[in-house]
Amino acid sequence: QVQLVESGGGLVQPGGSLRLSCAVSGNIFTIYIMAWYRQAPGKQRELVADVSSSGNTKYTDSVKGRFTISRDNAKNTLYLQMNTLKPEDTAVYYCNANRPAGWLGLNGLDAWGQGTLVTVSS
């Protein structure tokens, strides 16, 4: 079973940067889509960005040009580089690993990390 552990959250001033990491136990090559979600207080969890096994990326409009998602298959790690942070980026950020049943002949997967808190405030 895949386990995900996020790190890198913290308090940062508006305009600052943070890099989140998600360590993946197990073989990251067997994961079809890896993603970052976030949940702000009182709001629903939303997709921030995802990256496929082939390297294709997708971002929600509010972070385009500021955030970069990447996966290091050699290190079994997912990253989210966050630049020009804004107060509205404040949220708990979650790492997600997803695989549809049958991909590479494997069972389906939908695993979540425990989350890491990002607070953007002066």
C-alpha atoms as a PDB file:
ATOM      1  CA  GLN A   1       0.000   0.000   0.000  1.00  0.00           C
ATOM      2  CA  VAL A   2       1.288   3.432  -0.929  1.00  0.00           C
ATOM      3  CA  GLN A   3       1.852   5.908   1.897  1.00  0.00           C
ATOM      4  CA  LEU A   4       2.373   9.635   1.419  1.00  0.00           C
ATOM      5  CA  VAL A   5       4.086  12.033   3.817  1.00  0.00           C
ATOM      6  CA  GLU A   6       4.024  15.771   3.155  1.00  0.00           C
ATOM      7  CA  SER A   7       6.493  18.322   4.486  1.00  0.00           C
ATOM      8  CA  GLY A   8       7.566  21.896   3.879  1.00  0.00           C
ATOM      9  CA  GLY A   9       4.591  23.863   5.105  1.00  0.00           C
ATOM     10  CA  GLY A  10       4.881  26.853   7.395  1.00  0.00           C
ATOM     11  CA  LEU A  11       4.317  30.559   7.857  1.00  0.00           C
ATOM     12  CA  VAL A  12       5.442  32.861   5.063  1.00  0.00           C
ATOM     13  CA  GLN A  13       4.861  36.509   4.259  1.00  0.00           C
ATOM     14  CA  PRO A  14       2.889  37.561   1.183  1.00  0.00           C
ATOM     15  CA  GLY A  15       5.128  37.464  -1.865  1.00  0.00           C
ATOM     16  CA  GLY A  16       7.297  34.750  -0.355  1.00  0.00           C
ATOM     17  CA  SER A  17       8.014  31.201  -1.483  1.00  0.00           C
ATOM     18  CA  LEU A  18       7.739  27.687  -0.110  1.00  0.00           C
ATOM     19  CA  ARG A  19       8.445  24.255  -1.513  1.00  0.00           C
ATOM     20  CA  LEU A  20       6.266  21.374  -0.431  1.00  0.00           C
ATOM     21  CA  SER A  21       7.469  17.797  -0.664  1.00  0.00           C
ATOM     22  CA  CYS A  22       5.551  14.535  -0.651  1.00  0.00           C
ATOM     23  CA  ALA A  23       7.566  11.404   0.029  1.00  0.00           C
ATOM     24  CA  VAL A  24       6.045   8.308  -1.540  1.00  0.00           C
ATOM     25  CA  SER A  25       6.576   4.882  -0.027  1.00  0.00           C
ATOM     26  CA  GLY A  26       6.470   2.386  -2.823  1.00  0.00           C
ATOM     27  CA  ASN A  27       7.282   2.762  -6.482  1.00  0.00           C
ATOM     28  CA  ILE A  28       6.219   6.123  -7.861  1.00  0.00           C
ATOM     29  CA  PHE A  29       6.355   4.637 -11.344  1.00  0.00           C
ATOM     30  CA  THR A  30       3.192   2.703 -10.535  1.00  0.00           C
ATOM     31  CA  ILE A  31       1.213   5.876  -9.833  1.00  0.00           C
ATOM     32  CA  TYR A  32      -0.663   7.339 -12.779  1.00  0.00           C
ATOM     33  CA  ILE A  33      -1.514  10.788 -11.447  1.00  0.00           C
ATOM     34  CA  MET A  34       0.052  12.625  -8.525  1.00  0.00           C
ATOM     35  CA  ALA A  35      -1.571  15.781  -7.302  1.00  0.00           C
ATOM     36  CA  TRP A  36      -1.654  18.523  -4.723  1.00  0.00           C
ATOM     37  CA  TYR A  37      -4.979  19.553  -3.238  1.00  0.00           C
ATOM     38  CA  ARG A  38      -5.687  22.207  -0.640  1.00  0.00           C
ATOM     39  CA  GLN A  39      -8.439  22.975   1.803  1.00  0.00           C
ATOM     40  CA  ALA A  40      -8.860  26.415   3.282  1.00  0.00           C
ATOM     41  CA  PRO A  41     -10.857  26.969   6.489  1.00  0.00           C
ATOM     42  CA  GLY A  42     -14.555  26.687   5.799  1.00  0.00           C
ATOM     43  CA  LYS A  43     -14.038  25.688   2.174  1.00  0.00           C
ATOM     44  CA  GLN A  44     -14.106  22.487   0.182  1.00  0.00           C
ATOM     45  CA  ARG A  45     -10.930  20.709  -0.822  1.00  0.00           C
ATOM     46  CA  GLU A  46      -9.785  21.805  -4.269  1.00  0.00           C
ATOM     47  CA  LEU A  47      -7.293  20.525  -6.811  1.00  0.00           C
ATOM     48  CA  VAL A  48      -4.238  22.775  -7.035  1.00  0.00           C
ATOM     49  CA  ALA A  49      -2.125  20.933  -9.596  1.00  0.00           C
ATOM     50  CA  ASP A  50      -1.453  17.463 -10.911  1.00  0.00           C
ATOM     51  CA  VAL A  51       1.186  15.669 -12.939  1.00  0.00           C
ATOM     52  CA  SER A  52       0.785  12.462 -14.890  1.00  0.00           C
ATOM     53  CA  SER A  53       3.241   9.614 -15.230  1.00  0.00           C
ATOM     54  CA  SER A  54       4.194  11.031 -18.634  1.00  0.00           C
ATOM     55  CA  GLY A  55       4.926  14.431 -17.126  1.00  0.00           C
ATOM     56  CA  ASN A  56       1.866  16.340 -18.276  1.00  0.00           C
ATOM     57  CA  THR A  57       0.836  18.990 -15.779  1.00  0.00           C
ATOM     58  CA  LYS A  58      -2.361  20.826 -14.982  1.00  0.00           C
ATOM     59  CA  TYR A  59      -2.999  23.800 -12.680  1.00  0.00           C
ATOM     60  CA  THR A  60      -5.998  25.535 -11.269  1.00  0.00           C
ATOM     61  CA  ASP A  61      -6.296  29.049 -12.685  1.00  0.00           C
ATOM     62  CA  SER A  62      -5.524  30.838  -9.428  1.00  0.00           C
ATOM     63  CA  VAL A  63      -1.998  29.378  -9.203  1.00  0.00           C
ATOM     64  CA  LYS A  64      -0.939  29.383 -12.859  1.00  0.00           C
ATOM     65  CA  GLY A  65       2.371  31.153 -13.288  1.00  0.00           C
ATOM     66  CA  ARG A  66       3.111  31.016  -9.556  1.00  0.00           C
ATOM     67  CA  PHE A  67       3.172  27.317  -8.644  1.00  0.00           C
ATOM     68  CA  THR A  68       5.118  24.480 -10.261  1.00  0.00           C
ATOM     69  CA  ILE A  69       4.409  20.802  -9.693  1.00  0.00           C
ATOM     70  CA  SER A  70       7.064  18.189 -10.368  1.00  0.00           C
ATOM     71  CA  ARG A  71       7.754  14.567  -9.626  1.00  0.00           C
ATOM     72  CA  ASP A  72      11.218  13.101  -9.094  1.00  0.00           C
ATOM     73  CA  ASN A  73      10.844   9.456  -9.950  1.00  0.00           C
ATOM     74  CA  ALA A  74      14.381   8.644  -8.788  1.00  0.00           C
ATOM     75  CA  LYS A  75      13.630  10.020  -5.316  1.00  0.00           C
ATOM     76  CA  ASN A  76      10.002   8.834  -5.165  1.00  0.00           C
ATOM     77  CA  THR A  77       9.010  12.391  -4.311  1.00  0.00           C
ATOM     78  CA  LEU A  78       6.416  14.899  -5.474  1.00  0.00           C
ATOM     79  CA  TYR A  79       7.070  18.626  -5.142  1.00  0.00           C
ATOM     80  CA  LEU A  80       5.102  21.846  -5.266  1.00  0.00           C
ATOM     81  CA  GLN A  81       7.147  25.002  -5.677  1.00  0.00           C
ATOM     82  CA  MET A  82       5.008  27.940  -4.598  1.00  0.00           C
ATOM     83  CA  ASN A  83       6.137  31.466  -5.460  1.00  0.00           C
ATOM     84  CA  THR A  84       4.549  34.881  -5.009  1.00  0.00           C
ATOM     85  CA  LEU A  85       2.323  33.492  -2.290  1.00  0.00           C
ATOM     86  CA  LYS A  86      -0.864  35.312  -1.393  1.00  0.00           C
ATOM     87  CA  PRO A  87      -2.986  35.247   1.772  1.00  0.00           C
ATOM     88  CA  GLU A  88      -5.667  33.355  -0.166  1.00  0.00           C
ATOM     89  CA  ASP A  89      -3.183  30.495  -0.636  1.00  0.00           C
ATOM     90  CA  THR A  90      -3.474  29.787   3.092  1.00  0.00           C
ATOM     91  CA  ALA A  91      -4.715  26.207   3.468  1.00  0.00           C
ATOM     92  CA  VAL A  92      -3.813  22.685   4.416  1.00  0.00           C
ATOM     93  CA  TYR A  93      -2.112  21.135   1.390  1.00  0.00           C
ATOM     94  CA  TYR A  94      -2.581  17.441   0.688  1.00  0.00           C
ATOM     95  CA  CYS A  95      -0.672  15.078  -1.564  1.00  0.00           C
ATOM     96  CA  ASN A  96      -2.718  12.554  -3.558  1.00  0.00           C
ATOM     97  CA  ALA A  97      -1.721   9.481  -5.532  1.00  0.00           C
ATOM     98  CA  ASN A  98      -4.238   8.044  -7.967  1.00  0.00           C
ATOM     99  CA  ARG A  99      -4.287   5.106 -10.312  1.00  0.00           C
ATOM    100  CA  PRO A 100      -7.281   3.738 -12.195  1.00  0.00           C
ATOM    101  CA  ALA A 101      -7.904   0.025 -11.818  1.00  0.00           C
ATOM    102  CA  GLY A 102      -6.187  -1.928 -14.568  1.00  0.00           C
ATOM    103  CA  TRP A 103      -3.443   0.573 -15.367  1.00  0.00           C
ATOM    104  CA  LEU A 104      -0.240  -1.430 -15.780  1.00  0.00           C
ATOM    105  CA  GLY A 105      -2.353  -4.398 -14.695  1.00  0.00           C
ATOM    106  CA  LEU A 106      -2.546  -3.035 -11.132  1.00  0.00           C
ATOM    107  CA  ASN A 107      -5.369  -2.437  -8.678  1.00  0.00           C
ATOM    108  CA  GLY A 108      -6.891   1.001  -8.395  1.00  0.00           C
ATOM    109  CA  LEU A 109      -5.369   3.471  -5.932  1.00  0.00           C
ATOM    110  CA  ASP A 110      -6.502   6.661  -4.230  1.00  0.00           C
ATOM    111  CA  ALA A 111      -4.106   7.537  -1.392  1.00  0.00           C
ATOM    112  CA  TRP A 112      -3.817  10.735   0.646  1.00  0.00           C
ATOM    113  CA  GLY A 113      -1.194  12.228   2.895  1.00  0.00           C
ATOM    114  CA  GLN A 114      -1.931  13.775   6.277  1.00  0.00           C
ATOM    115  CA  GLY A 115      -1.574  17.332   5.014  1.00  0.00           C
ATOM    116  CA  THR A 116       0.785  20.216   5.703  1.00  0.00           C
ATOM    117  CA  LEU A 117      -0.361  23.684   6.728  1.00  0.00           C
ATOM    118  CA  VAL A 118       0.650  26.716   4.688  1.00  0.00           C
ATOM    119  CA  THR A 119      -0.079  30.114   6.223  1.00  0.00           C
ATOM    120  CA  VAL A 120       0.518  33.278   4.220  1.00  0.00           C
ATOM    121  CA  SER A 121       0.360  36.293   6.479  1.00  0.00           C
ATOM    122  CA  SER A 122       2.273  39.416   7.388  1.00  0.00           C
END
